[in-house]
Each structure stands twice: as structure tokens, then as C-alpha cells.
PDB file of N, CA and C in Angstrom:
ATOM      1  N   UNK A   1      10.364  15.032  -4.357  1.00  0.00           N
ATOM      2  CA  UNK A   1       9.581  13.264  -4.611  1.00  0.00           C
ATOM      3  C   UNK A   1       9.737  12.161  -4.217  1.00  0.00           C
ATOM      4  N   UNK A   2      11.279  12.969  -3.160  1.00  0.00           N
ATOM      5  CA  UNK A   2      12.208  11.433  -3.938  1.00  0.00           C
ATOM      6  C   UNK A   2      12.181  10.702  -2.331  1.00  0.00           C
ATOM      7  N   UNK A   3      12.038  11.266  -1.539  1.00  0.00           N
ATOM      8  CA  UNK A   3      11.980  10.322  -0.067  1.00  0.00           C
ATOM      9  C   UNK A   3      10.937   9.014  -0.017  1.00  0.00           C
ATOM     10  N   UNK A   4      11.387   7.716   0.834  1.00  0.00           N
ATOM     11  CA  UNK A   4      10.416   6.375   0.863  1.00  0.00           C
ATOM     12  C   UNK A   4       8.618   7.374   1.350  1.00  0.00           C
ATOM     13  N   UNK A   5       7.733   6.682   1.498  1.00  0.00           N
ATOM     14  CA  UNK A   5       6.712   6.577   1.762  1.00  0.00           C
ATOM     15  C   UNK A   5       6.458   6.531   3.810  1.00  0.00           C
ATOM     16  N   UNK A   6       7.411   5.117   3.970  1.00  0.00           N
ATOM     17  CA  UNK A   6       8.159   5.466   5.202  1.00  0.00           C
ATOM     18  C   UNK A   6       8.634   6.078   5.919  1.00  0.00           C
ATOM     19  N   UNK A   7       9.418   7.066   5.537  1.00  0.00           N
ATOM     20  CA  UNK A   7       9.656   8.993   6.421  1.00  0.00           C
ATOM     21  C   UNK A   7       9.134   9.909   5.769  1.00  0.00           C
ATOM     22  N   UNK A   8       7.813   9.697   5.704  1.00  0.00           N
ATOM     23  CA  UNK A   8       6.328  10.350   5.544  1.00  0.00           C
ATOM     24  C   UNK A   8       5.405   9.446   6.638  1.00  0.00           C
ATOM     25  N   UNK A   9       5.239   8.675   6.795  1.00  0.00           N
ATOM     26  CA  UNK A   9       4.273   8.726   8.126  1.00  0.00           C
ATOM     27  C   UNK A   9       4.536   8.770   9.469  1.00  0.00           C
ATOM     28  N   UNK A  10       3.882   9.025  10.450  1.00  0.00           N
ATOM     29  CA  UNK A  10       4.383   9.657  11.663  1.00  0.00           C
ATOM     30  C   UNK A  10       2.976   9.634  12.583  1.00  0.00           C
ATOM     31  N   UNK A  11       3.580   8.303  12.775  1.00  0.00           N
ATOM     32  CA  UNK A  11       3.041   7.992  14.443  1.00  0.00           C
ATOM     33  C   UNK A  11       2.501   8.173  15.187  1.00  0.00           C
ATOM     34  N   UNK A  12       0.475   8.060  15.297  1.00  0.00           N
ATOM     35  CA  UNK A  12       0.310   8.780  16.334  1.00  0.00           C
ATOM     36  C   UNK A  12      -0.927   9.836  15.785  1.00  0.00           C
ATOM     37  N   UNK A  13      -0.644  10.297  14.687  1.00  0.00           N
ATOM     38  CA  UNK A  13      -1.304  11.474  13.613  1.00  0.00           C
ATOM     39  C   UNK A  13      -2.117  10.938  12.909  1.00  0.00           C
ATOM     40  N   UNK A  14      -2.950  11.913  12.938  1.00  0.00           N
ATOM     41  CA  UNK A  14      -4.839  10.909  11.436  1.00  0.00           C
ATOM     42  C   UNK A  14      -3.621  11.758  10.043  1.00  0.00           C
ATOM     43  N   UNK A  15      -3.822  10.760   9.347  1.00  0.00           N
ATOM     44  CA  UNK A  15      -3.702  10.689   8.552  1.00  0.00           C
ATOM     45  C   UNK A  15      -4.643  10.239   7.099  1.00  0.00           C
ATOM     46  N   UNK A  16      -4.558  11.123   5.891  1.00  0.00           N
ATOM     47  CA  UNK A  16      -5.554  11.392   4.890  1.00  0.00           C
ATOM     48  C   UNK A  16      -4.496  10.703   3.779  1.00  0.00           C
ATOM     49  N   UNK A  17      -4.455   8.980   3.408  1.00  0.00           N
ATOM     50  CA  UNK A  17      -3.850   8.938   1.696  1.00  0.00           C
ATOM     51  C   UNK A  17      -4.798   8.237   0.885  1.00  0.00           C
ATOM     52  N   UNK A  18      -4.527   9.506   0.324  1.00  0.00           N
ATOM     53  CA  UNK A  18      -5.590   8.984  -1.761  1.00  0.00           C
ATOM     54  C   UNK A  18      -4.742   8.217  -2.434  1.00  0.00           C
ATOM     55  N   UNK A  19      -4.829   7.301  -2.951  1.00  0.00           N
ATOM     56  CA  UNK A  19      -3.295   6.105  -4.257  1.00  0.00           C
ATOM     57  C   UNK A  19      -4.476   5.864  -5.431  1.00  0.00           C
ATOM     58  N   UNK A  20      -4.205   5.600  -6.320  1.00  0.00           N
ATOM     59  CA  UNK A  20      -4.850   6.076  -8.027  1.00  0.00           C
ATOM     60  C   UNK A  20      -3.477   5.395  -8.439  1.00  0.00           C
ATOM     61  N   UNK A  21      -3.791   3.524  -8.536  1.00  0.00           N
ATOM     62  CA  UNK A  21      -3.415   3.366  -9.368  1.00  0.00           C
ATOM     63  C   UNK A  21      -3.517   2.679 -10.744  1.00  0.00           C
ATOM     64  N   UNK A  22      -2.667   2.857 -11.960  1.00  0.00           N
ATOM     65  CA  UNK A  22      -3.278   2.301 -13.226  1.00  0.00           C
ATOM     66  C   UNK A  22      -2.409   0.308 -13.188  1.00  0.00           C
ATOM     67  N   UNK A  23      -2.512  -0.620 -13.200  1.00  0.00           N
ATOM     68  CA  UNK A  23      -1.765  -1.858 -12.722  1.00  0.00           C
ATOM     69  C   UNK A  23      -1.735  -2.183 -14.281  1.00  0.00           C
ATOM     70  N   UNK A  24      -0.234  -1.879 -14.977  1.00  0.00           N
ATOM     71  CA  UNK A  24      -0.070  -2.095 -16.364  1.00  0.00           C
ATOM     72  C   UNK A  24       0.680  -2.742 -16.384  1.00  0.00           C
ATOM     73  N   UNK A  25       1.914  -3.272 -16.961  1.00  0.00           N
ATOM     74  CA  UNK A  25       3.236  -3.545 -17.095  1.00  0.00           C
ATOM     75  C   UNK A  25       3.721  -3.325 -18.524  1.00  0.00           C
ATOM     76  N   UNK A  26       2.965  -2.830 -19.336  1.00  0.00           N
ATOM     77  CA  UNK A  26       3.303  -1.536 -20.534  1.00  0.00           C
ATOM     78  C   UNK A  26       3.582   0.491 -19.703  1.00  0.00           C
ATOM     79  N   UNK A  27       3.798   1.428 -20.384  1.00  0.00           N
ATOM     80  CA  UNK A  27       4.218   1.947 -20.367  1.00  0.00           C
ATOM     81  C   UNK A  27       3.511   2.946 -20.253  1.00  0.00           C
ATOM     82  N   UNK A  28       1.621   3.453 -20.268  1.00  0.00           N
ATOM     83  CA  UNK A  28       0.690   2.856 -19.535  1.00  0.00           C
ATOM     84  C   UNK A  28       0.671   3.036 -18.184  1.00  0.00           C
ATOM     85  N   UNK A  29       1.758   2.363 -17.795  1.00  0.00           N
ATOM     86  CA  UNK A  29       0.937   2.236 -15.743  1.00  0.00           C
ATOM     87  C   UNK A  29       1.292   3.309 -14.812  1.00  0.00           C
ATOM     88  N   UNK A  30       0.425   3.913 -14.239  1.00  0.00           N
ATOM     89  CA  UNK A  30       0.461   4.357 -13.143  1.00  0.00           C
ATOM     90  C   UNK A  30       0.119   4.230 -11.959  1.00  0.00           C
ATOM     91  N   UNK A  31       1.252   4.752 -10.837  1.00  0.00           N
ATOM     92  CA  UNK A  31       0.613   4.979  -9.209  1.00  0.00           C
ATOM     93  C   UNK A  31       1.398   6.841  -9.251  1.00  0.00           C
ATOM     94  N   UNK A  32      -0.182   6.796  -7.913  1.00  0.00           N
ATOM     95  CA  UNK A  32      -0.050   8.322  -7.634  1.00  0.00           C
ATOM     96  C   UNK A  32      -0.043   8.299  -6.728  1.00  0.00           C
ATOM     97  N   UNK A  33      -0.159   8.582  -4.948  1.00  0.00           N
ATOM     98  CA  UNK A  33      -0.315   9.165  -3.916  1.00  0.00           C
ATOM     99  C   UNK A  33      -0.290  10.332  -3.188  1.00  0.00           C
ATOM    100  N   UNK A  34      -1.181  10.403  -2.241  1.00  0.00           N
ATOM    101  CA  UNK A  34      -1.768  12.042  -2.215  1.00  0.00           C
ATOM    102  C   UNK A  34      -1.257  11.285  -0.237  1.00  0.00           C
ATOM    103  N   UNK A  35      -1.208  12.885   0.020  1.00  0.00           N
ATOM    104  CA  UNK A  35      -0.287  12.258   1.640  1.00  0.00           C
ATOM    105  C   UNK A  35      -1.211  13.600   1.780  1.00  0.00           C
ATOM    106  N   UNK A  36      -2.848  13.388   3.244  1.00  0.00           N
ATOM    107  CA  UNK A  36      -3.515  15.068   3.361  1.00  0.00           C
ATOM    108  C   UNK A  36      -2.960  16.205   1.900  1.00  0.00           C
ATOM    109  N   UNK A  37      -3.502  14.862   0.765  1.00  0.00           N
ATOM    110  CA  UNK A  37      -4.015  16.260  -0.221  1.00  0.00           C
ATOM    111  C   UNK A  37      -2.455  17.193  -1.296  1.00  0.00           C
ATOM    112  N   UNK A  38      -1.771  16.126  -0.698  1.00  0.00           N
ATOM    113  CA  UNK A  38      -0.932  16.491  -1.473  1.00  0.00           C
ATOM    114  C   UNK A  38      -0.199  15.852  -2.043  1.00  0.00           C
ATOM    115  N   UNK A  39       0.300  15.593  -3.763  1.00  0.00           N
ATOM    116  CA  UNK A  39       0.882  14.792  -3.876  1.00  0.00           C
ATOM    117  C   UNK A  39       2.483  13.876  -3.639  1.00  0.00           C
ATOM    118  N   UNK A  40       2.499  12.651  -3.509  1.00  0.00           N
ATOM    119  CA  UNK A  40       3.939  13.179  -2.562  1.00  0.00           C
ATOM    120  C   UNK A  40       4.137  11.459  -3.557  1.00  0.00           C
ATOM    121  N   UNK A  41       4.191  10.944  -4.084  1.00  0.00           N
ATOM    122  CA  UNK A  41       4.421  10.371  -5.442  1.00  0.00           C
ATOM    123  C   UNK A  41       4.257  10.303  -6.347  1.00  0.00           C
ATOM    124  N   UNK A  42       4.720  10.225  -7.308  1.00  0.00           N
ATOM    125  CA  UNK A  42       4.259   9.887  -9.282  1.00  0.00           C
ATOM    126  C   UNK A  42       4.989   8.410 -10.024  1.00  0.00           C
ATOM    127  N   UNK A  43       4.868   7.699 -10.488  1.00  0.00           N
ATOM    128  CA  UNK A  43       5.433   6.781 -10.746  1.00  0.00           C
ATOM    129  C   UNK A  43       4.789   6.574 -11.832  1.00  0.00           C
ATOM    130  N   UNK A  44       5.438   6.466 -13.429  1.00  0.00           N
ATOM    131  CA  UNK A  44       4.752   6.118 -14.100  1.00  0.00           C
ATOM    132  C   UNK A  44       5.266   5.471 -14.934  1.00  0.00           C
ATOM    133  N   UNK A  45       5.292   4.032 -16.369  1.00  0.00           N
ATOM    134  CA  UNK A  45       5.121   3.334 -16.327  1.00  0.00           C
ATOM    135  C   UNK A  45       5.192   1.926 -16.171  1.00  0.00           C
ATOM    136  N   UNK A  46       5.426   0.716 -16.384  1.00  0.00           N
ATOM    137  CA  UNK A  46       5.218  -0.351 -16.044  1.00  0.00           C
ATOM    138  C   UNK A  46       5.399  -0.676 -14.642  1.00  0.00           C
ATOM    139  N   UNK A  47       4.538  -1.529 -14.286  1.00  0.00           N
ATOM    140  CA  UNK A  47       4.297  -1.584 -12.701  1.00  0.00           C
ATOM    141  C   UNK A  47       3.485  -3.249 -11.905  1.00  0.00           C
ATOM    142  N   UNK A  48       3.545  -3.920 -13.255  1.00  0.00           N
ATOM    143  CA  UNK A  48       2.995  -4.985 -12.843  1.00  0.00           C
ATOM    144  C   UNK A  48       3.911  -6.134 -13.280  1.00  0.00           C
ATOM    145  N   UNK A  49       4.184  -7.981 -13.700  1.00  0.00           N
ATOM    146  CA  UNK A  49       3.782  -8.511 -14.683  1.00  0.00           C
ATOM    147  C   UNK A  49       3.310  -8.189 -15.860  1.00  0.00           C
ATOM    148  N   UNK A  50       3.780  -8.732 -16.705  1.00  0.00           N
ATOM    149  CA  UNK A  50       3.369  -8.913 -18.017  1.00  0.00           C
ATOM    150  C   UNK A  50       2.297 -10.238 -18.618  1.00  0.00           C
ATOM    151  N   UNK A  51       2.828 -11.419 -16.975  1.00  0.00           N
ATOM    152  CA  UNK A  51       2.626 -12.622 -17.794  1.00  0.00           C
ATOM    153  C   UNK A  51       1.849 -13.095 -16.602  1.00  0.00           C
ATOM    154  N   UNK A  52       0.882 -12.346 -14.786  1.00  0.00           N
ATOM    155  CA  UNK A  52       0.114 -12.827 -14.667  1.00  0.00           C
ATOM    156  C   UNK A  52      -1.585 -12.683 -15.201  1.00  0.00           C
ATOM    157  N   UNK A  53      -1.793 -11.797 -15.983  1.00  0.00           N
ATOM    158  CA  UNK A  53      -3.121 -11.694 -16.350  1.00  0.00           C
ATOM    159  C   UNK A  53      -4.225 -10.014 -15.468  1.00  0.00           C
ATOM    160  N   UNK A  54      -4.646  -9.708 -15.693  1.00  0.00           N
ATOM    161  CA  UNK A  54      -5.618  -8.941 -14.906  1.00  0.00           C
ATOM    162  C   UNK A  54      -5.984  -9.342 -13.879  1.00  0.00           C
ATOM    163  N   UNK A  55      -6.155 -10.951 -14.229  1.00  0.00           N
ATOM    164  CA  UNK A  55      -7.538 -11.157 -12.730  1.00  0.00           C
ATOM    165  C   UNK A  55      -5.795 -11.658 -11.355  1.00  0.00           C
ATOM    166  N   UNK A  56      -4.749 -11.572 -11.755  1.00  0.00           N
ATOM    167  CA  UNK A  56      -4.249 -11.466 -11.228  1.00  0.00           C
ATOM    168  C   UNK A  56      -2.840 -10.183 -10.539  1.00  0.00           C
ATOM    169  N   UNK A  57      -4.227  -9.100 -11.180  1.00  0.00           N
ATOM    170  CA  UNK A  57      -2.858  -7.218 -10.413  1.00  0.00           C
ATOM    171  C   UNK A  57      -2.673  -7.757  -9.596  1.00  0.00           C
ATOM    172  N   UNK A  58      -1.610  -6.617  -9.165  1.00  0.00           N
ATOM    173  CA  UNK A  58      -1.701  -5.811  -7.431  1.00  0.00           C
ATOM    174  C   UNK A  58      -2.722  -5.643  -6.843  1.00  0.00           C
ATOM    175  N   UNK A  59      -3.071  -5.498  -5.535  1.00  0.00           N
ATOM    176  CA  UNK A  59      -4.012  -5.195  -4.813  1.00  0.00           C
ATOM    177  C   UNK A  59      -3.109  -4.381  -3.586  1.00  0.00           C
ATOM    178  N   UNK A  60      -3.967  -3.060  -2.921  1.00  0.00           N
ATOM    179  CA  UNK A  60      -3.735  -3.504  -2.299  1.00  0.00           C
ATOM    180  C   UNK A  60      -4.238  -3.460  -0.526  1.00  0.00           C
ATOM    181  N   UNK A  61      -3.302  -3.608   0.677  1.00  0.00           N
ATOM    182  CA  UNK A  61      -3.847  -4.319   2.146  1.00  0.00           C
ATOM    183  C   UNK A  61      -3.863  -3.319   2.992  1.00  0.00           C
ATOM    184  N   UNK A  62      -4.292  -3.473   3.520  1.00  0.00           N
ATOM    185  CA  UNK A  62      -3.348  -2.035   4.954  1.00  0.00           C
ATOM    186  C   UNK A  62      -4.079  -3.062   6.412  1.00  0.00           C
ATOM    187  N   UNK A  63      -2.744  -2.280   7.474  1.00  0.00           N
ATOM    188  CA  UNK A  63      -2.428  -3.774   8.836  1.00  0.00           C
ATOM    189  C   UNK A  63      -1.174  -4.030   8.635  1.00  0.00           C
ATOM    190  N   UNK A  64      -0.728  -4.220   9.896  1.00  0.00           N
ATOM    191  CA  UNK A  64       0.110  -4.094   9.879  1.00  0.00           C
ATOM    192  C   UNK A  64       0.028  -6.181   9.967  1.00  0.00           C
ATOM    193  N   UNK A  65       1.748  -7.037   8.775  1.00  0.00           N
ATOM    194  CA  UNK A  65       2.050  -8.049   7.975  1.00  0.00           C
ATOM    195  C   UNK A  65       3.190  -8.635   9.280  1.00  0.00           C
ATOM    196  N   UNK A  66       3.370  -9.577   9.149  1.00  0.00           N
ATOM    197  CA  UNK A  66       4.843 -10.867   9.881  1.00  0.00           C
ATOM    198  C   UNK A  66       5.366 -11.065   8.511  1.00  0.00           C
ATOM    199  N   UNK A  67       6.094 -10.563   7.707  1.00  0.00           N
ATOM    200  CA  UNK A  67       6.664 -11.195   6.877  1.00  0.00           C
ATOM    201  C   UNK A  67       6.598 -13.308   6.314  1.00  0.00           C
ATOM    202  N   UNK A  68       6.517 -13.930   8.044  1.00  0.00           N
ATOM    203  CA  UNK A  68       6.612 -15.176   8.297  1.00  0.00           C
ATOM    204  C   UNK A  68       4.543 -15.930   9.111  1.00  0.00           C
ATOM    205  N   UNK A  69       4.208 -15.180   8.711  1.00  0.00           N
ATOM    206  CA  UNK A  69       2.962 -15.463   9.287  1.00  0.00           C
ATOM    207  C   UNK A  69       2.105 -16.704   9.322  1.00  0.00           C
ATOM    208  N   UNK A  70       2.394 -17.620   8.225  1.00  0.00           N
ATOM    209  CA  UNK A  70       1.580 -18.292   8.074  1.00  0.00           C
ATOM    210  C   UNK A  70       3.549 -19.621   9.287  1.00  0.00           C
ATOM    211  N   UNK A  71       2.135 -19.810  10.411  1.00  0.00           N
ATOM    212  CA  UNK A  71       3.267 -20.775  10.646  1.00  0.00           C
ATOM    213  C   UNK A  71       3.293 -21.656  10.792  1.00  0.00           C
ATOM    214  N   UNK A  72       2.945 -22.662   9.764  1.00  0.00           N
ATOM    215  CA  UNK A  72       2.700 -24.128   9.215  1.00  0.00           C
ATOM    216  C   UNK A  72       3.273 -24.803   8.971  1.00  0.00           C
ATOM    217  N   UNK A  73       4.317 -24.399   8.733  1.00  0.00           N
ATOM    218  CA  UNK A  73       4.731 -25.181   7.763  1.00  0.00           C
ATOM    219  C   UNK A  73       6.602 -24.948   8.010  1.00  0.00           C
ATOM    220  N   UNK A  74       7.084 -25.963   7.954  1.00  0.00           N
ATOM    221  CA  UNK A  74       8.603 -26.491   7.740  1.00  0.00           C
ATOM    222  C   UNK A  74       9.084 -25.065   8.029  1.00  0.00           C
ATOM    223  N   UNK A  75      10.350 -24.265   8.526  1.00  0.00           N
ATOM    224  CA  UNK A  75      10.595 -23.842   9.284  1.00  0.00           C
ATOM    225  C   UNK A  75      10.639 -22.790   9.395  1.00  0.00           C
ATOM    226  N   UNK A  76       8.771 -22.122   9.010  1.00  0.00           N
ATOM    227  CA  UNK A  76       7.984 -20.990   9.220  1.00  0.00           C
ATOM    228  C   UNK A  76       8.508 -20.476  11.049  1.00  0.00           C
ATOM    229  N   UNK A  77       8.202 -21.198  11.608  1.00  0.00           N
ATOM    230  CA  UNK A  77       7.653 -20.357  13.550  1.00  0.00           C
ATOM    231  C   UNK A  77       9.573 -20.782  13.263  1.00  0.00           C
ATOM    232  N   UNK A  78      10.589 -21.022  13.086  1.00  0.00           N
ATOM    233  CA  UNK A  78      11.910 -20.770  13.844  1.00  0.00           C
ATOM    234  C   UNK A  78      11.802 -19.711  13.418  1.00  0.00           C
ATOM    235  N   UNK A  79      11.214 -18.739  12.016  1.00  0.00           N
ATOM    236  CA  UNK A  79      12.011 -18.115  11.100  1.00  0.00           C
ATOM    237  C   UNK A  79      11.219 -16.692  11.804  1.00  0.00           C
ATOM    238  N   UNK A  80      10.161 -17.250  12.276  1.00  0.00           N
ATOM    239  CA  UNK A  80       8.951 -16.306  12.877  1.00  0.00           C
ATOM    240  C   UNK A  80       9.573 -15.569  14.306  1.00  0.00           C
ATOM    241  N   UNK A  81       9.809 -16.766  15.326  1.00  0.00           N
ATOM    242  CA  UNK A  81      10.550 -16.774  16.118  1.00  0.00           C
ATOM    243  C   UNK A  81      12.342 -15.643  16.627  1.00  0.00           C
ATOM    244  N   UNK A  82      12.619 -15.475  15.672  1.00  0.00           N
ATOM    245  CA  UNK A  82      13.782 -15.547  14.934  1.00  0.00           C
ATOM    246  C   UNK A  82      13.720 -13.305  15.168  1.00  0.00           C
ATOM    247  N   UNK A  83      12.655 -13.184  14.053  1.00  0.00           N
ATOM    248  CA  UNK A  83      12.589 -11.663  14.129  1.00  0.00           C
ATOM    249  C   UNK A  83      11.854 -11.491  14.864  1.00  0.00           C
ATOM    250  N   UNK A  84      12.687 -10.688  16.453  1.00  0.00           N
ATOM    251  CA  UNK A  84      11.826 -10.226  16.948  1.00  0.00           C
ATOM    252  C   UNK A  84      11.907  -8.311  16.646  1.00  0.00           C
ATOM    253  N   UNK A  85      10.030  -7.516  16.644  1.00  0.00           N
ATOM    254  CA  UNK A  85      10.527  -6.933  16.095  1.00  0.00           C
ATOM    255  C   UNK A  85      10.579  -5.221  17.090  1.00  0.00           C
ATOM    256  N   UNK A  86      11.564  -4.439  16.829  1.00  0.00           N
ATOM    257  CA  UNK A  86      11.678  -3.506  17.484  1.00  0.00           C
ATOM    258  C   UNK A  86      10.668  -3.020  18.429  1.00  0.00           C
ATOM    259  N   UNK A  87       9.445  -2.479  18.006  1.00  0.00           N
ATOM    260  CA  UNK A  87       7.852  -2.270  19.330  1.00  0.00           C
ATOM    261  C   UNK A  87       7.336  -3.666  19.279  1.00  0.00           C
ATOM    262  N   UNK A  88       6.328  -3.419  20.339  1.00  0.00           N
ATOM    263  CA  UNK A  88       5.791  -4.913  20.878  1.00  0.00           C
ATOM    264  C   UNK A  88       4.660  -5.163  21.047  1.00  0.00           C
ATOM    265  N   UNK A  89       4.502  -3.599  21.200  1.00  0.00           N
ATOM    266  CA  UNK A  89       2.213  -3.118  21.158  1.00  0.00           C
ATOM    267  C   UNK A  89       2.122  -2.442  19.622  1.00  0.00           C
ATOM    268  N   UNK A  90       1.101  -2.620  18.873  1.00  0.00           N
ATOM    269  CA  UNK A  90       1.175  -1.955  17.494  1.00  0.00           C
ATOM    270  C   UNK A  90      -0.645  -2.276  16.915  1.00  0.00           C
ATOM    271  N   UNK A  91      -1.279  -0.548  16.926  1.00  0.00           N
ATOM    272  CA  UNK A  91      -2.117  -0.652  16.627  1.00  0.00           C
ATOM    273  C   UNK A  91      -2.460   0.182  15.692  1.00  0.00           C
ATOM    274  N   UNK A  92      -3.421  -0.186  14.677  1.00  0.00           N
ATOM    275  CA  UNK A  92      -3.810   0.140  13.519  1.00  0.00           C
ATOM    276  C   UNK A  92      -4.971   0.472  13.013  1.00  0.00           C
ATOM    277  N   UNK A  93      -5.011   1.689  13.309  1.00  0.00           N
ATOM    278  CA  UNK A  93      -7.199   2.904  13.240  1.00  0.00           C
ATOM    279  C   UNK A  93      -6.704   2.949  11.501  1.00  0.00           C
ATOM    280  N   UNK A  94      -7.986   2.285  10.789  1.00  0.00           N
ATOM    281  CA  UNK A  94      -8.909   2.653   9.181  1.00  0.00           C
ATOM    282  C   UNK A  94      -9.842   3.074   9.135  1.00  0.00           C
ATOM    283  N   UNK A  95     -10.105   4.106   8.688  1.00  0.00           N
ATOM    284  CA  UNK A  95     -12.057   4.599   9.123  1.00  0.00           C
ATOM    285  C   UNK A  95     -11.494   5.068   7.410  1.00  0.00           C
ATOM    286  N   UNK A  96     -12.760   5.193   6.993  1.00  0.00           N
ATOM    287  CA  UNK A  96     -13.732   6.282   5.446  1.00  0.00           C
ATOM    288  C   UNK A  96     -12.924   5.706   4.560  1.00  0.00           C
ATOM    289  N   UNK A  97     -12.584   4.203   4.653  1.00  0.00           N
ATOM    290  CA  UNK A  97     -12.096   3.859   3.623  1.00  0.00           C
ATOM    291  C   UNK A  97     -13.138   3.829   2.036  1.00  0.00           C
ATOM    292  N   UNK A  98     -12.386   4.559   1.194  1.00  0.00           N
ATOM    293  CA  UNK A  98     -13.221   4.774  -0.340  1.00  0.00           C
ATOM    294  C   UNK A  98     -12.228   3.819  -1.114  1.00  0.00           C
ATOM    295  N   UNK A  99     -13.224   3.540  -2.356  1.00  0.00           N
ATOM    296  CA  UNK A  99     -12.162   1.823  -3.223  1.00  0.00           C
ATOM    297  C   UNK A  99     -13.251   2.706  -4.702  1.00  0.00           C
ATOM    298  N   UNK A 100     -12.820   3.800  -5.607  1.00  0.00           N
ATOM    299  CA  UNK A 100     -13.325   4.290  -7.113  1.00  0.00           C
ATOM    300  C   UNK A 100     -13.121   2.839  -8.447  1.00  0.00           C
ATOM    301  N   UNK A 101     -13.443   3.045  -9.190  1.00  0.00           N
ATOM    302  CA  UNK A 101     -13.968   2.505  -9.645  1.00  0.00           C
ATOM    303  C   UNK A 101     -12.925   3.400 -11.702  1.00  0.00           C
ATOM    304  N   UNK A 102     -13.203   2.501 -11.834  1.00  0.00           N
ATOM    305  CA  UNK A 102     -12.372   3.245 -13.317  1.00  0.00           C
ATOM    306  C   UNK A 102     -12.432   4.179 -13.714  1.00  0.00           C
ATOM    307  N   UNK A 103     -13.484   4.906 -13.582  1.00  0.00           N
ATOM    308  CA  UNK A 103     -13.436   6.544 -13.856  1.00  0.00           C
ATOM    309  C   UNK A 103     -13.641   7.266 -12.821  1.00  0.00           C
ATOM    310  N   UNK A 104     -12.958   7.185 -11.598  1.00  0.00           N
ATOM    311  CA  UNK A 104     -13.205   7.631 -10.337  1.00  0.00           C
ATOM    312  C   UNK A 104     -12.008   8.738 -10.168  1.00  0.00           C
ATOM    313  N   UNK A 105     -12.805   9.662  -9.725  1.00  0.00           N
ATOM    314  CA  UNK A 105     -11.387  11.125  -9.582  1.00  0.00           C
ATOM    315  C   UNK A 105     -10.644  11.598  -8.673  1.00  0.00           C
ATOM    316  N   UNK A 106      -9.723  12.010  -8.383  1.00  0.00           N
ATOM    317  CA  UNK A 106     -10.288  12.909  -7.688  1.00  0.00           C
ATOM    318  C   UNK A 106     -10.546  13.453  -6.207  1.00  0.00           C
ATOM    319  N   UNK A 107     -11.078  13.909  -6.396  1.00  0.00           N
ATOM    320  CA  UNK A 107     -12.363  14.292  -6.259  1.00  0.00           C
ATOM    321  C   UNK A 107     -13.243  13.440  -5.319  1.00  0.00           C
ATOM    322  N   UNK A 108     -13.650  12.637  -6.565  1.00  0.00           N
ATOM    323  CA  UNK A 108     -14.568  11.556  -5.923  1.00  0.00           C
ATOM    324  C   UNK A 108     -13.820  10.593  -4.507  1.00  0.00           C
ATOM    325  N   UNK A 109     -12.743  10.662  -4.224  1.00  0.00           N
ATOM    326  CA  UNK A 109     -11.870   9.968  -3.422  1.00  0.00           C
ATOM    327  C   UNK A 109     -11.568  10.370  -2.014  1.00  0.00           C
ATOM    328  N   UNK A 110     -11.185  12.138  -2.585  1.00  0.00           N
ATOM    329  CA  UNK A 110     -10.633  12.546  -1.356  1.00  0.00           C
ATOM    330  C   UNK A 110     -11.580  13.128  -0.472  1.00  0.00           C
ATOM    331  N   UNK A 111     -11.155  12.973   1.426  1.00  0.00           N
ATOM    332  CA  UNK A 111     -11.573  13.248   1.912  1.00  0.00           C
ATOM    333  C   UNK A 111     -11.932  14.971   1.786  1.00  0.00           C
ATOM    334  N   UNK A 112     -13.536  14.542   2.468  1.00  0.00           N
ATOM    335  CA  UNK A 112     -13.785  16.087   2.509  1.00  0.00           C
ATOM    336  C   UNK A 112     -13.142  16.800   3.375  1.00  0.00           C
TER     337      UNK A 112
END
């Protein structure tokens, strides 16, 4: 489990991801990621800042993002135009999104 997740993404194929996170600035923090039923990442320990409180813990998003999406601020449009992507056409499909609560198990979330 030492390769990055980017190495595991396969364009043009459906992939089932299951992500389990317990956000914590303490040693009880946990991040587990499964790809197609196989655990590919497990990290234990602090995984968020201790000063932001539970209301501002990390959250996961899916999609295609550009670091300078808000070009209304000074200098951002120039940086946006300077960062030319290698790919000029991108499509992302997301289906069967499930979100579990604090007591959810892997079997509650994993695709059948």
C-alpha cells in the first residue's frame, strides 16, 4: 500500500471506491480507502488540524477541479490562463454515492 491513489486510477473504467474517515487531530484519526473491494490505503493518526473544531473537519468532493476556479479576484485570471491542462476534454461520471453515519460498516456502504 505504498503507491499513490493517482497510480490506481484507470481512465475509461468504472471503479468502486469506498472511503472511511474518522477525522481527528489525535492518534485516533483513521483513513481507509478500498478500490473494487481491495484495501489500498490505511493511515492511522492525526488527519486534521486541532484548531478548527468538528464543524470544519475535512470533507470529500468528487469532480474535476482547477486551482484557480474563482477568477474574479485580482491575479487569478492570469494564473488560470497560465495553467494550461494537458487534457482539453474531461468527463467524470459518478453513480451510487452512499454516505454512512458513525455506525456504518464497510458492508453497509460497499457496492453489492
